[in-house]
Amino acid sequence: MATITVAGTPVEDIWVSGPEVCRRLGMSRSTLRRLRNKGLPHLGDDRLRRYHLPTVLKWLAGNA
């Protein structure tokens, strides 16, 4: 798997929570919810939703 970088910093191959996605990418919870409704990849439901950070970044690059 290729290494993904953001601002020259490698992104770990990790799964994170919604609040962590918002913190790392500087977006609001409502923006994350809107993007998820547009097809942002995630696993789980309202109780335990996780995002694969490299996949989220790839999706944003192609769908923003």
PDB file of N, CA and C in Angstrom:
ATOM      1  N   MET A   1       0.847  -1.178   0.000  1.00  0.00           N
ATOM      2  CA  MET A   1       0.000   0.000   0.000  1.00  0.00           C
ATOM      3  C   MET A   1       0.893   1.243   0.000  1.00  0.00           C
ATOM      4  N   ALA A   2       0.535   2.207  -0.810  1.00  0.00           N
ATOM      5  CA  ALA A   2       1.319   3.437  -0.904  1.00  0.00           C
ATOM      6  C   ALA A   2       1.116   4.294   0.345  1.00  0.00           C
ATOM      7  N   THR A   3       2.148   5.011   0.702  1.00  0.00           N
ATOM      8  CA  THR A   3       2.061   5.904   1.845  1.00  0.00           C
ATOM      9  C   THR A   3       1.324   7.168   1.439  1.00  0.00           C
ATOM     10  N   ILE A   4       0.377   7.574   2.240  1.00  0.00           N
ATOM     11  CA  ILE A   4      -0.370   8.801   2.004  1.00  0.00           C
ATOM     12  C   ILE A   4       0.201   9.874   2.907  1.00  0.00           C
ATOM     13  N   THR A   5       0.417  11.057   2.353  1.00  0.00           N
ATOM     14  CA  THR A   5       0.926  12.160   3.162  1.00  0.00           C
ATOM     15  C   THR A   5      -0.030  13.335   3.108  1.00  0.00           C
ATOM     16  N   VAL A   6      -0.104  14.060   4.202  1.00  0.00           N
ATOM     17  CA  VAL A   6      -0.860  15.303   4.299  1.00  0.00           C
ATOM     18  C   VAL A   6       0.117  16.359   4.754  1.00  0.00           C
ATOM     19  N   ALA A   7       0.281  17.382   3.954  1.00  0.00           N
ATOM     20  CA  ALA A   7       1.235  18.460   4.247  1.00  0.00           C
ATOM     21  C   ALA A   7       2.626  17.898   4.534  1.00  0.00           C
ATOM     22  N   GLY A   8       2.999  16.870   3.773  1.00  0.00           N
ATOM     23  CA  GLY A   8       4.328  16.289   3.914  1.00  0.00           C
ATOM     24  C   GLY A   8       4.497  15.327   5.069  1.00  0.00           C
ATOM     25  N   THR A   9       3.424  15.054   5.818  1.00  0.00           N
ATOM     26  CA  THR A   9       3.489  14.148   6.959  1.00  0.00           C
ATOM     27  C   THR A   9       2.765  12.852   6.629  1.00  0.00           C
ATOM     28  N   PRO A  10       3.401  11.695   6.825  1.00  0.00           N
ATOM     29  CA  PRO A  10       2.728  10.425   6.533  1.00  0.00           C
ATOM     30  C   PRO A  10       1.504  10.218   7.432  1.00  0.00           C
ATOM     31  N   VAL A  11       0.448   9.678   6.841  1.00  0.00           N
ATOM     32  CA  VAL A  11      -0.774   9.367   7.585  1.00  0.00           C
ATOM     33  C   VAL A  11      -0.747   7.891   7.932  1.00  0.00           C
ATOM     34  N   GLU A  12      -0.993   7.591   9.185  1.00  0.00           N
ATOM     35  CA  GLU A  12      -0.984   6.210   9.647  1.00  0.00           C
ATOM     36  C   GLU A  12      -2.156   5.454   9.042  1.00  0.00           C
ATOM     37  N   ASP A  13      -1.988   4.162   8.894  1.00  0.00           N
ATOM     38  CA  ASP A  13      -3.049   3.288   8.414  1.00  0.00           C
ATOM     39  C   ASP A  13      -3.915   2.918   9.608  1.00  0.00           C
ATOM     40  N   ILE A  14      -4.775   3.846  10.019  1.00  0.00           N
ATOM     41  CA  ILE A  14      -5.554   3.643  11.231  1.00  0.00           C
ATOM     42  C   ILE A  14      -7.029   3.928  10.999  1.00  0.00           C
ATOM     43  N   TRP A  15      -7.834   3.408  11.898  1.00  0.00           N
ATOM     44  CA  TRP A  15      -9.266   3.699  11.943  1.00  0.00           C
ATOM     45  C   TRP A  15      -9.494   4.684  13.080  1.00  0.00           C
ATOM     46  N   VAL A  16     -10.301   5.709  12.840  1.00  0.00           N
ATOM     47  CA  VAL A  16     -10.535   6.737  13.854  1.00  0.00           C
ATOM     48  C   VAL A  16     -12.026   7.015  13.985  1.00  0.00           C
ATOM     49  N   SER A  17     -12.390   7.655  15.081  1.00  0.00           N
ATOM     50  CA  SER A  17     -13.772   8.037  15.336  1.00  0.00           C
ATOM     51  C   SER A  17     -14.114   9.319  14.576  1.00  0.00           C
ATOM     52  N   GLY A  18     -15.390   9.640  14.536  1.00  0.00           N
ATOM     53  CA  GLY A  18     -15.837  10.871  13.894  1.00  0.00           C
ATOM     54  C   GLY A  18     -15.192  12.117  14.494  1.00  0.00           C
ATOM     55  N   PRO A  19     -15.208  12.266  15.823  1.00  0.00           N
ATOM     56  CA  PRO A  19     -14.559  13.439  16.406  1.00  0.00           C
ATOM     57  C   PRO A  19     -13.068  13.532  16.070  1.00  0.00           C
ATOM     58  N   GLU A  20     -12.417  12.377  15.944  1.00  0.00           N
ATOM     59  CA  GLU A  20     -10.992  12.377  15.602  1.00  0.00           C
ATOM     60  C   GLU A  20     -10.789  12.811  14.147  1.00  0.00           C
ATOM     61  N   VAL A  21     -11.674  12.377  13.238  1.00  0.00           N
ATOM     62  CA  VAL A  21     -11.605  12.844  11.844  1.00  0.00           C
ATOM     63  C   VAL A  21     -11.753  14.357  11.819  1.00  0.00           C
ATOM     64  N   CYS A  22     -12.731  14.869  12.548  1.00  0.00           N
ATOM     65  CA  CYS A  22     -12.961  16.318  12.591  1.00  0.00           C
ATOM     66  C   CYS A  22     -11.740  17.053  13.129  1.00  0.00           C
ATOM     67  N   ARG A  23     -11.145  16.538  14.179  1.00  0.00           N
ATOM     68  CA  ARG A  23      -9.975  17.186  14.768  1.00  0.00           C
ATOM     69  C   ARG A  23      -8.793  17.174  13.807  1.00  0.00           C
ATOM     70  N   ARG A  24      -8.529  16.019  13.208  1.00  0.00           N
ATOM     71  CA  ARG A  24      -7.367  15.900  12.323  1.00  0.00           C
ATOM     72  C   ARG A  24      -7.509  16.697  11.041  1.00  0.00           C
ATOM     73  N   LEU A  25      -8.738  16.814  10.530  1.00  0.00           N
ATOM     74  CA  LEU A  25      -8.947  17.481   9.253  1.00  0.00           C
ATOM     75  C   LEU A  25      -9.528  18.887   9.394  1.00  0.00           C
ATOM     76  N   GLY A  26      -9.794  19.315  10.622  1.00  0.00           N
ATOM     77  CA  GLY A  26     -10.277  20.673  10.854  1.00  0.00           C
ATOM     78  C   GLY A  26     -11.660  20.930  10.287  1.00  0.00           C
ATOM     79  N   MET A  27     -12.573  19.979  10.478  1.00  0.00           N
ATOM     80  CA  MET A  27     -13.936  20.165   9.986  1.00  0.00           C
ATOM     81  C   MET A  27     -14.920  20.011  11.134  1.00  0.00           C
ATOM     82  N   SER A  28     -16.104  20.534  10.936  1.00  0.00           N
ATOM     83  CA  SER A  28     -17.138  20.437  11.966  1.00  0.00           C
ATOM     84  C   SER A  28     -17.843  19.087  11.879  1.00  0.00           C
ATOM     85  N   ARG A  29     -18.572  18.752  12.924  1.00  0.00           N
ATOM     86  CA  ARG A  29     -19.335  17.504  12.936  1.00  0.00           C
ATOM     87  C   ARG A  29     -20.423  17.532  11.874  1.00  0.00           C
ATOM     88  N   SER A  30     -21.018  18.706  11.655  1.00  0.00           N
ATOM     89  CA  SER A  30     -22.065  18.797  10.635  1.00  0.00           C
ATOM     90  C   SER A  30     -21.485  18.593   9.234  1.00  0.00           C
ATOM     91  N   THR A  31     -20.267  19.063   8.991  1.00  0.00           N
ATOM     92  CA  THR A  31     -19.616  18.829   7.699  1.00  0.00           C
ATOM     93  C   THR A  31     -19.337  17.345   7.517  1.00  0.00           C
ATOM     94  N   LEU A  32     -18.862  16.688   8.562  1.00  0.00           N
ATOM     95  CA  LEU A  32     -18.595  15.251   8.487  1.00  0.00           C
ATOM     96  C   LEU A  32     -19.890  14.495   8.194  1.00  0.00           C
ATOM     97  N   ARG A  33     -20.965  14.858   8.843  1.00  0.00           N
ATOM     98  CA  ARG A  33     -22.267  14.217   8.615  1.00  0.00           C
ATOM     99  C   ARG A  33     -22.728  14.442   7.164  1.00  0.00           C
ATOM    100  N   ARG A  34     -22.563  15.650   6.656  1.00  0.00           N
ATOM    101  CA  ARG A  34     -22.952  15.958   5.279  1.00  0.00           C
ATOM    102  C   ARG A  34     -22.135  15.123   4.286  1.00  0.00           C
ATOM    103  N   LEU A  35     -20.828  15.031   4.523  1.00  0.00           N
ATOM    104  CA  LEU A  35     -19.968  14.235   3.650  1.00  0.00           C
ATOM    105  C   LEU A  35     -20.326  12.754   3.708  1.00  0.00           C
ATOM    106  N   ARG A  36     -20.640  12.280   4.907  1.00  0.00           N
ATOM    107  CA  ARG A  36     -21.041  10.874   5.061  1.00  0.00           C
ATOM    108  C   ARG A  36     -22.328  10.611   4.272  1.00  0.00           C
ATOM    109  N   ASN A  37     -23.258  11.548   4.293  1.00  0.00           N
ATOM    110  CA  ASN A  37     -24.500  11.397   3.538  1.00  0.00           C
ATOM    111  C   ASN A  37     -24.244  11.416   2.032  1.00  0.00           C
ATOM    112  N   LYS A  38     -23.130  12.013   1.615  1.00  0.00           N
ATOM    113  CA  LYS A  38     -22.754  12.035   0.197  1.00  0.00           C
ATOM    114  C   LYS A  38     -21.946  10.804  -0.197  1.00  0.00           C
ATOM    115  N   GLY A  39     -21.624   9.938   0.775  1.00  0.00           N
ATOM    116  CA  GLY A  39     -20.941   8.694   0.452  1.00  0.00           C
ATOM    117  C   GLY A  39     -19.573   8.503   1.073  1.00  0.00           C
ATOM    118  N   LEU A  40     -19.177   9.372   2.009  1.00  0.00           N
ATOM    119  CA  LEU A  40     -17.887   9.207   2.683  1.00  0.00           C
ATOM    120  C   LEU A  40     -17.825   7.821   3.314  1.00  0.00           C
ATOM    121  N   PRO A  41     -16.815   7.018   2.959  1.00  0.00           N
ATOM    122  CA  PRO A  41     -16.735   5.647   3.477  1.00  0.00           C
ATOM    123  C   PRO A  41     -16.557   5.600   4.996  1.00  0.00           C
ATOM    124  N   HIS A  42     -17.290   4.685   5.622  1.00  0.00           N
ATOM    125  CA  HIS A  42     -17.178   4.454   7.062  1.00  0.00           C
ATOM    126  C   HIS A  42     -17.720   3.071   7.376  1.00  0.00           C
ATOM    127  N   LEU A  43     -17.441   2.622   8.564  1.00  0.00           N
ATOM    128  CA  LEU A  43     -17.988   1.360   9.063  1.00  0.00           C
ATOM    129  C   LEU A  43     -18.740   1.634  10.350  1.00  0.00           C
ATOM    130  N   GLY A  44     -19.777   0.860  10.587  1.00  0.00           N
ATOM    131  CA  GLY A  44     -20.504   0.966  11.842  1.00  0.00           C
ATOM    132  C   GLY A  44     -21.755   1.810  11.720  1.00  0.00           C
ATOM    133  N   ASP A  45     -22.330   2.077  12.884  1.00  0.00           N
ATOM    134  CA  ASP A  45     -23.553   2.862  12.947  1.00  0.00           C
ATOM    135  C   ASP A  45     -23.366   3.998  13.948  1.00  0.00           C
ATOM    136  N   ASP A  46     -24.460   4.606  14.377  1.00  0.00           N
ATOM    137  CA  ASP A  46     -24.364   5.759  15.275  1.00  0.00           C
ATOM    138  C   ASP A  46     -23.650   5.454  16.587  1.00  0.00           C
ATOM    139  N   ARG A  47     -23.748   4.233  17.056  1.00  0.00           N
ATOM    140  CA  ARG A  47     -23.104   3.896  18.333  1.00  0.00           C
ATOM    141  C   ARG A  47     -21.601   3.726  18.208  1.00  0.00           C
ATOM    142  N   LEU A  48     -21.154   3.138  17.104  1.00  0.00           N
ATOM    143  CA  LEU A  48     -19.726   2.873  16.937  1.00  0.00           C
ATOM    144  C   LEU A  48     -19.368   3.013  15.458  1.00  0.00           C
ATOM    145  N   ARG A  49     -19.105   4.229  15.042  1.00  0.00           N
ATOM    146  CA  ARG A  49     -18.756   4.510  13.651  1.00  0.00           C
ATOM    147  C   ARG A  49     -17.268   4.804  13.588  1.00  0.00           C
ATOM    148  N   ARG A  50     -16.581   4.200  12.619  1.00  0.00           N
ATOM    149  CA  ARG A  50     -15.142   4.414  12.463  1.00  0.00           C
ATOM    150  C   ARG A  50     -14.834   4.733  11.000  1.00  0.00           C
ATOM    151  N   TYR A  51     -13.787   5.496  10.819  1.00  0.00           N
ATOM    152  CA  TYR A  51     -13.347   5.933   9.503  1.00  0.00           C
ATOM    153  C   TYR A  51     -11.900   5.507   9.305  1.00  0.00           C
ATOM    154  N   HIS A  52     -11.594   4.930   8.136  1.00  0.00           N
ATOM    155  CA  HIS A  52     -10.223   4.565   7.794  1.00  0.00           C
ATOM    156  C   HIS A  52      -9.590   5.825   7.217  1.00  0.00           C
ATOM    157  N   LEU A  53      -8.686   6.427   7.950  1.00  0.00           N
ATOM    158  CA  LEU A  53      -8.169   7.746   7.616  1.00  0.00           C
ATOM    159  C   LEU A  53      -7.596   7.844   6.203  1.00  0.00           C
ATOM    160  N   PRO A  54      -6.748   6.915   5.745  1.00  0.00           N
ATOM    161  CA  PRO A  54      -6.257   7.028   4.362  1.00  0.00           C
ATOM    162  C   PRO A  54      -7.377   6.964   3.317  1.00  0.00           C
ATOM    163  N   THR A  55      -8.396   6.148   3.562  1.00  0.00           N
ATOM    164  CA  THR A  55      -9.521   6.051   2.635  1.00  0.00           C
ATOM    165  C   THR A  55     -10.319   7.345   2.624  1.00  0.00           C
ATOM    166  N   VAL A  56     -10.502   7.942   3.778  1.00  0.00           N
ATOM    167  CA  VAL A  56     -11.213   9.224   3.870  1.00  0.00           C
ATOM    168  C   VAL A  56     -10.464  10.286   3.056  1.00  0.00           C
ATOM    169  N   LEU A  57      -9.157  10.339   3.203  1.00  0.00           N
ATOM    170  CA  LEU A  57      -8.378  11.336   2.466  1.00  0.00           C
ATOM    171  C   LEU A  57      -8.471  11.117   0.963  1.00  0.00           C
ATOM    172  N   LYS A  58      -8.417   9.869   0.521  1.00  0.00           N
ATOM    173  CA  LYS A  58      -8.559   9.580  -0.901  1.00  0.00           C
ATOM    174  C   LYS A  58      -9.942   9.984  -1.394  1.00  0.00           C
ATOM    175  N   TRP A  59     -10.970   9.677  -0.613  1.00  0.00           N
ATOM    176  CA  TRP A  59     -12.334  10.022  -1.000  1.00  0.00           C
ATOM    177  C   TRP A  59     -12.486  11.537  -1.102  1.00  0.00           C
ATOM    178  N   LEU A  60     -11.964  12.259  -0.139  1.00  0.00           N
ATOM    179  CA  LEU A  60     -12.062  13.716  -0.165  1.00  0.00           C
ATOM    180  C   LEU A  60     -11.341  14.301  -1.388  1.00  0.00           C
ATOM    181  N   ALA A  61     -10.215  13.729  -1.738  1.00  0.00           N
ATOM    182  CA  ALA A  61      -9.456  14.233  -2.891  1.00  0.00           C
ATOM    183  C   ALA A  61     -10.251  14.072  -4.187  1.00  0.00           C
ATOM    184  N   GLY A  62     -11.050  13.042  -4.274  1.00  0.00           N
ATOM    185  CA  GLY A  62     -11.807  12.793  -5.490  1.00  0.00           C
ATOM    186  C   GLY A  62     -13.225  13.295  -5.474  1.00  0.00           C
ATOM    187  N   ASN A  63     -13.733  13.688  -4.308  1.00  0.00           N
ATOM    188  CA  ASN A  63     -15.153  14.041  -4.185  1.00  0.00           C
ATOM    189  C   ASN A  63     -15.418  15.401  -3.542  1.00  0.00           C
ATOM    190  N   ALA A  64     -14.392  16.145  -3.228  1.00  0.00           N
ATOM    191  CA  ALA A  64     -14.595  17.407  -2.503  1.00  0.00           C
ATOM    192  C   ALA A  64     -15.123  18.512  -3.379  1.00  0.00           C
TER     193      ALA A  64
END
